[in-house]
N, C-alpha and C. Protein backbone atom coordinates (compact mmCIF):
# COMPACT_ATOMS: atom_id res chain seq x y z
N MET A 1 4.90 16.54 -16.81
CA MET A 1 5.10 15.93 -15.52
C MET A 1 4.53 14.49 -15.58
N ILE A 2 5.31 13.54 -15.08
CA ILE A 2 4.92 12.13 -15.03
C ILE A 2 4.53 11.72 -13.65
N ILE A 3 3.38 11.13 -13.52
CA ILE A 3 2.94 10.60 -12.23
C ILE A 3 2.99 9.10 -12.27
N GLY A 4 3.63 8.48 -11.28
CA GLY A 4 3.76 7.05 -11.22
C GLY A 4 2.93 6.49 -10.06
N LEU A 5 2.22 5.45 -10.30
CA LEU A 5 1.39 4.82 -9.27
C LEU A 5 1.74 3.31 -9.21
N LEU A 6 2.13 2.92 -8.00
CA LEU A 6 2.43 1.54 -7.69
C LEU A 6 1.29 1.00 -6.84
N VAL A 7 0.60 -0.03 -7.32
CA VAL A 7 -0.52 -0.64 -6.55
C VAL A 7 -0.07 -2.01 -6.11
N LEU A 8 -0.11 -2.25 -4.80
CA LEU A 8 0.29 -3.55 -4.28
C LEU A 8 -0.89 -4.22 -3.57
N ASP A 9 -1.21 -5.45 -3.93
CA ASP A 9 -2.17 -6.27 -3.23
C ASP A 9 -1.39 -7.15 -2.29
N LEU A 10 -1.60 -6.96 -1.01
CA LEU A 10 -0.83 -7.65 0.04
C LEU A 10 -1.57 -8.64 0.78
N HIS A 11 -0.99 -9.75 1.11
CA HIS A 11 -1.56 -10.77 1.96
C HIS A 11 -0.75 -10.86 3.26
N LEU A 12 -1.44 -10.71 4.35
CA LEU A 12 -0.84 -10.73 5.67
C LEU A 12 -1.28 -11.95 6.44
N PRO A 13 -0.65 -13.11 6.22
CA PRO A 13 -1.16 -14.34 6.77
C PRO A 13 -1.02 -14.43 8.32
N HIS A 14 -0.17 -13.60 8.87
CA HIS A 14 0.05 -13.64 10.33
C HIS A 14 -0.83 -12.72 11.11
N ALA A 15 -1.60 -11.85 10.45
CA ALA A 15 -2.48 -10.91 11.05
C ALA A 15 -3.69 -11.65 11.67
N ARG A 16 -3.93 -11.45 12.91
CA ARG A 16 -5.07 -12.11 13.63
C ARG A 16 -6.15 -11.08 13.99
N SER A 17 -5.88 -9.82 13.65
CA SER A 17 -6.87 -8.74 13.95
C SER A 17 -6.56 -7.55 13.07
N LEU A 18 -7.48 -6.57 12.98
CA LEU A 18 -7.19 -5.36 12.28
C LEU A 18 -6.01 -4.59 12.91
N LYS A 19 -5.85 -4.75 14.18
CA LYS A 19 -4.78 -4.09 14.88
C LYS A 19 -3.40 -4.64 14.42
N ASP A 20 -3.31 -5.93 14.23
CA ASP A 20 -2.10 -6.54 13.67
C ASP A 20 -1.80 -6.05 12.23
N LYS A 21 -2.88 -6.01 11.46
CA LYS A 21 -2.75 -5.51 10.09
C LYS A 21 -2.29 -4.10 10.04
N ARG A 22 -2.92 -3.25 10.84
CA ARG A 22 -2.54 -1.80 10.88
C ARG A 22 -1.11 -1.56 11.30
N ARG A 23 -0.66 -2.38 12.26
CA ARG A 23 0.69 -2.28 12.74
C ARG A 23 1.71 -2.50 11.56
N GLU A 24 1.45 -3.53 10.83
CA GLU A 24 2.33 -3.86 9.67
C GLU A 24 2.24 -2.78 8.58
N LEU A 25 1.01 -2.39 8.23
CA LEU A 25 0.86 -1.36 7.23
C LEU A 25 1.41 -0.04 7.61
N ASN A 26 1.31 0.30 8.84
CA ASN A 26 1.86 1.58 9.34
C ASN A 26 3.42 1.56 9.28
N ARG A 27 4.02 0.45 9.54
CA ARG A 27 5.44 0.26 9.46
C ARG A 27 5.93 0.50 7.99
N ILE A 28 5.23 -0.10 7.04
CA ILE A 28 5.49 0.08 5.62
C ILE A 28 5.25 1.54 5.22
N ARG A 29 4.14 2.15 5.60
CA ARG A 29 3.79 3.51 5.30
C ARG A 29 4.94 4.46 5.77
N ASP A 30 5.30 4.33 7.05
CA ASP A 30 6.36 5.21 7.57
C ASP A 30 7.67 5.06 6.84
N ARG A 31 7.97 3.89 6.50
CA ARG A 31 9.26 3.59 5.76
C ARG A 31 9.23 4.20 4.41
N VAL A 32 8.16 4.03 3.64
CA VAL A 32 8.03 4.55 2.32
C VAL A 32 8.08 6.06 2.30
N ARG A 33 7.33 6.70 3.27
CA ARG A 33 7.35 8.11 3.35
C ARG A 33 8.71 8.69 3.75
N LYS A 34 9.35 8.06 4.68
CA LYS A 34 10.60 8.60 5.18
C LYS A 34 11.75 8.34 4.14
N LYS A 35 11.87 7.10 3.68
CA LYS A 35 13.00 6.73 2.79
C LYS A 35 12.86 7.26 1.40
N PHE A 36 11.63 7.25 0.81
CA PHE A 36 11.43 7.57 -0.60
C PHE A 36 10.62 8.84 -0.83
N ASN A 37 10.14 9.46 0.23
CA ASN A 37 9.32 10.70 0.09
C ASN A 37 8.18 10.53 -0.87
N ALA A 38 7.51 9.42 -0.76
CA ALA A 38 6.40 9.11 -1.70
C ALA A 38 5.06 9.09 -0.89
N ALA A 39 4.00 9.32 -1.58
CA ALA A 39 2.67 9.28 -0.92
C ALA A 39 2.15 7.89 -0.87
N TYR A 40 1.48 7.55 0.21
CA TYR A 40 1.02 6.17 0.50
C TYR A 40 -0.42 6.24 0.93
N ALA A 41 -1.26 5.31 0.48
CA ALA A 41 -2.59 5.24 0.92
C ALA A 41 -3.15 3.81 0.82
N GLU A 42 -3.98 3.37 1.79
CA GLU A 42 -4.62 2.08 1.72
C GLU A 42 -5.88 2.28 0.81
N LEU A 43 -5.98 1.57 -0.22
CA LEU A 43 -7.00 1.78 -1.22
C LEU A 43 -8.26 0.85 -1.07
N ASP A 44 -8.06 -0.34 -0.50
CA ASP A 44 -9.17 -1.26 -0.44
C ASP A 44 -8.91 -2.29 0.66
N PHE A 45 -10.00 -3.02 0.97
CA PHE A 45 -9.95 -4.09 1.97
C PHE A 45 -9.55 -3.57 3.37
N GLN A 46 -10.11 -2.36 3.72
CA GLN A 46 -9.81 -1.80 5.00
C GLN A 46 -10.32 -2.65 6.20
N GLU A 47 -11.34 -3.41 5.98
CA GLU A 47 -11.93 -4.18 7.06
C GLU A 47 -11.52 -5.64 7.03
N ALA A 48 -10.71 -6.07 6.10
CA ALA A 48 -10.26 -7.42 6.00
C ALA A 48 -8.94 -7.55 6.83
N TRP A 49 -8.84 -8.59 7.64
CA TRP A 49 -7.69 -8.79 8.56
C TRP A 49 -6.41 -9.10 7.77
N GLN A 50 -6.48 -9.95 6.77
CA GLN A 50 -5.31 -10.47 6.15
C GLN A 50 -5.09 -10.01 4.67
N ARG A 51 -5.77 -9.04 4.28
CA ARG A 51 -5.62 -8.52 2.93
C ARG A 51 -5.65 -7.01 2.87
N SER A 52 -4.86 -6.46 1.96
CA SER A 52 -4.84 -5.02 1.79
C SER A 52 -4.43 -4.66 0.37
N ARG A 53 -4.92 -3.57 -0.11
CA ARG A 53 -4.43 -2.99 -1.36
C ARG A 53 -3.94 -1.57 -1.07
N VAL A 54 -2.69 -1.31 -1.35
CA VAL A 54 -2.13 -0.01 -1.05
C VAL A 54 -1.61 0.65 -2.37
N GLY A 55 -1.63 1.94 -2.35
CA GLY A 55 -1.13 2.68 -3.52
C GLY A 55 -0.01 3.57 -3.07
N ILE A 56 1.05 3.63 -3.89
CA ILE A 56 2.18 4.50 -3.58
C ILE A 56 2.40 5.34 -4.83
N VAL A 57 2.46 6.64 -4.65
CA VAL A 57 2.58 7.60 -5.74
C VAL A 57 3.75 8.51 -5.67
N THR A 58 4.39 8.78 -6.78
CA THR A 58 5.48 9.76 -6.84
C THR A 58 5.39 10.42 -8.21
N LEU A 59 6.08 11.55 -8.35
CA LEU A 59 6.10 12.24 -9.62
C LEU A 59 7.38 12.94 -9.86
N ASN A 60 7.65 13.16 -11.12
CA ASN A 60 8.92 13.77 -11.62
C ASN A 60 8.73 14.13 -13.02
N SER A 61 9.68 14.97 -13.56
CA SER A 61 9.54 15.37 -14.99
C SER A 61 10.04 14.26 -15.96
N GLN A 62 10.71 13.21 -15.38
CA GLN A 62 11.28 12.16 -16.25
C GLN A 62 10.62 10.80 -15.86
N GLN A 63 10.07 10.10 -16.82
CA GLN A 63 9.46 8.83 -16.53
C GLN A 63 10.47 7.79 -16.00
N LYS A 64 11.65 7.84 -16.51
CA LYS A 64 12.68 6.89 -16.08
C LYS A 64 12.94 7.02 -14.54
N LEU A 65 12.99 8.22 -14.06
CA LEU A 65 13.26 8.48 -12.61
C LEU A 65 12.08 7.98 -11.74
N VAL A 66 10.88 8.22 -12.24
CA VAL A 66 9.68 7.78 -11.53
C VAL A 66 9.62 6.22 -11.48
N GLU A 67 9.94 5.60 -12.62
CA GLU A 67 9.91 4.18 -12.64
C GLU A 67 11.04 3.57 -11.73
N GLU A 68 12.21 4.13 -11.79
CA GLU A 68 13.27 3.63 -10.91
C GLU A 68 12.91 3.76 -9.44
N GLN A 69 12.31 4.88 -9.05
CA GLN A 69 11.99 5.10 -7.65
C GLN A 69 10.91 4.07 -7.23
N LEU A 70 9.88 3.89 -8.02
CA LEU A 70 8.81 2.96 -7.65
C LEU A 70 9.32 1.50 -7.62
N ARG A 71 10.19 1.15 -8.52
CA ARG A 71 10.84 -0.16 -8.46
C ARG A 71 11.65 -0.38 -7.20
N ALA A 72 12.35 0.65 -6.75
CA ALA A 72 13.13 0.63 -5.51
C ALA A 72 12.17 0.54 -4.33
N VAL A 73 11.02 1.23 -4.36
CA VAL A 73 10.05 1.10 -3.29
C VAL A 73 9.53 -0.33 -3.22
N PHE A 74 9.20 -0.93 -4.39
CA PHE A 74 8.74 -2.30 -4.42
C PHE A 74 9.72 -3.25 -3.86
N ARG A 75 10.99 -3.15 -4.23
CA ARG A 75 12.02 -4.03 -3.68
C ARG A 75 12.19 -3.86 -2.17
N ASP A 76 12.10 -2.67 -1.70
CA ASP A 76 12.23 -2.37 -0.31
C ASP A 76 11.08 -2.98 0.48
N VAL A 77 9.87 -2.83 0.01
CA VAL A 77 8.67 -3.34 0.63
C VAL A 77 8.81 -4.92 0.64
N GLU A 78 9.21 -5.51 -0.39
CA GLU A 78 9.32 -6.92 -0.50
C GLU A 78 10.31 -7.46 0.55
N GLN A 79 11.38 -6.69 0.89
CA GLN A 79 12.40 -7.16 1.81
C GLN A 79 11.89 -7.04 3.25
N VAL A 80 11.15 -5.99 3.58
CA VAL A 80 10.81 -5.74 4.97
C VAL A 80 9.36 -6.19 5.37
N PHE A 81 8.56 -6.52 4.34
CA PHE A 81 7.19 -6.87 4.56
C PHE A 81 7.05 -8.28 5.17
N ASN A 82 6.26 -8.40 6.20
CA ASN A 82 6.05 -9.68 6.88
C ASN A 82 4.79 -10.32 6.31
N GLY A 83 4.83 -10.68 5.03
CA GLY A 83 3.70 -11.27 4.35
C GLY A 83 4.15 -11.49 2.90
N GLU A 84 3.14 -11.49 2.02
CA GLU A 84 3.48 -11.69 0.59
C GLU A 84 2.72 -10.68 -0.28
N THR A 85 3.46 -10.27 -1.33
CA THR A 85 2.84 -9.37 -2.31
C THR A 85 2.15 -10.28 -3.37
N VAL A 86 0.86 -10.18 -3.49
CA VAL A 86 0.12 -10.99 -4.38
C VAL A 86 0.17 -10.42 -5.79
N VAL A 87 -0.06 -9.12 -5.92
CA VAL A 87 -0.07 -8.45 -7.24
C VAL A 87 0.67 -7.08 -7.09
N ALA A 88 1.46 -6.75 -8.09
CA ALA A 88 2.06 -5.46 -8.11
C ALA A 88 1.76 -4.86 -9.52
N ASP A 89 1.29 -3.68 -9.57
CA ASP A 89 0.90 -3.02 -10.81
C ASP A 89 1.52 -1.61 -10.78
N LEU A 90 2.27 -1.28 -11.89
CA LEU A 90 2.90 -0.01 -11.99
C LEU A 90 2.30 0.67 -13.19
N ARG A 91 1.81 1.98 -12.99
CA ARG A 91 1.14 2.73 -14.00
C ARG A 91 1.71 4.17 -14.01
N PHE A 92 1.65 4.76 -15.24
CA PHE A 92 2.10 6.11 -15.41
C PHE A 92 1.00 6.96 -15.99
N PHE A 93 0.92 8.19 -15.55
CA PHE A 93 -0.09 9.16 -16.06
C PHE A 93 0.62 10.48 -16.47
């Protein structure tokens, strides 16, 4: 079994409060869960208004399928996210 982890460091320049940040992250979380059936969690910077680190995880028996799905997640987040992705890191276990 291959586990894939996509870690995204996000910058939310338009967030003026934690409420603004949560609204944007919840939108991404709901989309990732619904469209890709992948697990999502905020990993760091929970108290920072304009910064977040999120992790998205999926698994399969074939690494190629895991990689394709996480790359599709990344492209989708890039298209709908109202901010910028500072760092993206893809790992397999």
